[in-house]
Amino acid sequence: VLSTLKFFRDEYEAHIKEKRCPAHHCQALLNYVITDKCKGCTLCARNCPVNAITGKVKEKHVIDTAKCIKCGQCMSNCRFNAIIKD
């Protein structure tokens, strides 16, 4: 444990203090974000199993993080690489 604290202190602190995972490995701490690359094609919204994505056609969409189950369907279906893990 001490050696992991020595080498990965920043990651431990991010998990505890900021409730995020810098390695994007902890599913519960992931957030998906739609960037400005979004063209508004609605493909992500149509493939979201819980309807967590909203937006008008040809306008940037938004993910409701409270509804999102972090399945990654939006990211895998986006043709413009407009969705990132945060």
Protein backbone atom coordinates (compact mmCIF):
# COMPACT_ATOMS: atom_id res chain seq x y z
CA VAL A 1 0.00 0.00 0.00
CA LEU A 2 2.79 2.42 0.85
CA SER A 3 4.52 2.00 -2.49
CA THR A 4 1.26 2.60 -4.40
CA LEU A 5 0.71 5.75 -2.33
CA LYS A 6 4.24 6.82 -3.18
CA PHE A 7 3.84 6.37 -6.93
CA PHE A 8 0.12 7.02 -7.42
CA ARG A 9 -0.66 9.64 -4.77
CA ASP A 10 -2.31 11.98 -7.30
CA GLU A 11 -4.73 9.25 -8.39
CA TYR A 12 -5.67 8.40 -4.81
CA GLU A 13 -6.32 12.07 -4.07
CA ALA A 14 -8.42 12.51 -7.22
CA HIS A 15 -10.59 9.55 -6.21
CA ILE A 16 -11.05 10.74 -2.64
CA LYS A 17 -11.19 14.53 -2.91
CA GLU A 18 -12.52 15.15 -6.43
CA LYS A 19 -14.58 11.95 -6.91
CA ARG A 20 -13.02 11.32 -10.34
CA CYS A 21 -10.77 8.67 -11.85
CA PRO A 22 -7.87 10.08 -13.91
CA ALA A 23 -7.28 6.64 -15.47
CA HIS A 24 -10.93 6.49 -16.64
CA HIS A 25 -11.16 2.99 -15.21
CA CYS A 26 -13.64 3.33 -12.34
CA GLN A 27 -17.06 3.14 -13.97
CA ALA A 28 -18.85 4.81 -11.06
CA LEU A 29 -16.63 7.89 -11.31
CA LEU A 30 -16.84 8.36 -15.08
CA ASN A 31 -18.68 11.19 -16.76
CA TYR A 32 -19.31 11.38 -20.48
CA VAL A 33 -19.20 14.87 -21.99
CA ILE A 34 -20.22 16.06 -25.44
CA THR A 35 -17.67 18.50 -26.86
CA ASP A 36 -17.98 21.27 -29.44
CA LYS A 37 -17.23 18.72 -32.17
CA CYS A 38 -20.89 17.66 -31.93
CA LYS A 39 -22.74 18.23 -35.22
CA GLY A 40 -26.19 17.49 -33.82
CA CYS A 41 -26.75 14.34 -35.86
CA THR A 42 -28.79 12.80 -32.96
CA LEU A 43 -27.13 9.39 -33.38
CA CYS A 44 -25.93 9.40 -29.77
CA ALA A 45 -29.37 10.35 -28.45
CA ARG A 46 -31.08 7.67 -30.51
CA ASN A 47 -28.73 5.00 -29.12
CA CYS A 48 -28.86 6.05 -25.46
CA PRO A 49 -30.81 3.33 -23.60
CA VAL A 50 -31.98 5.73 -20.85
CA ASN A 51 -32.64 8.88 -22.94
CA ALA A 52 -29.99 10.86 -21.08
CA ILE A 53 -29.01 12.90 -24.16
CA THR A 54 -30.98 15.91 -25.34
CA GLY A 55 -30.55 18.43 -28.10
CA LYS A 56 -31.97 19.66 -31.36
CA VAL A 57 -30.95 18.47 -34.81
CA LYS A 58 -27.80 20.28 -36.04
CA GLU A 59 -27.12 21.71 -32.56
CA LYS A 60 -24.75 20.51 -29.85
CA HIS A 61 -26.31 17.89 -27.58
CA VAL A 62 -26.01 17.57 -23.78
CA ILE A 63 -25.78 14.53 -21.51
CA ASP A 64 -27.79 14.55 -18.29
CA THR A 65 -25.25 13.02 -15.90
CA ALA A 66 -27.97 12.19 -13.37
CA LYS A 67 -29.70 9.91 -15.90
CA CYS A 68 -26.56 8.54 -17.55
CA ILE A 69 -25.78 4.90 -16.70
CA LYS A 70 -22.27 5.23 -18.16
CA CYS A 71 -22.70 2.42 -20.67
CA GLY A 72 -20.61 4.12 -23.38
CA GLN A 73 -23.15 3.62 -26.19
CA CYS A 74 -23.11 7.33 -26.99
CA MET A 75 -19.33 7.40 -27.36
CA SER A 76 -19.16 4.25 -29.46
CA ASN A 77 -21.87 5.49 -31.85
CA CYS A 78 -20.58 9.05 -32.33
CA ARG A 79 -19.12 9.47 -35.82
CA PHE A 80 -17.45 12.79 -34.96
CA ASN A 81 -15.54 11.74 -31.81
CA ALA A 82 -17.45 14.46 -30.00
CA ILE A 83 -17.96 12.49 -26.78
CA ILE A 84 -15.17 12.09 -24.26
CA LYS A 85 -14.75 10.51 -20.85
CA ASP A 86 -14.17 13.08 -18.16
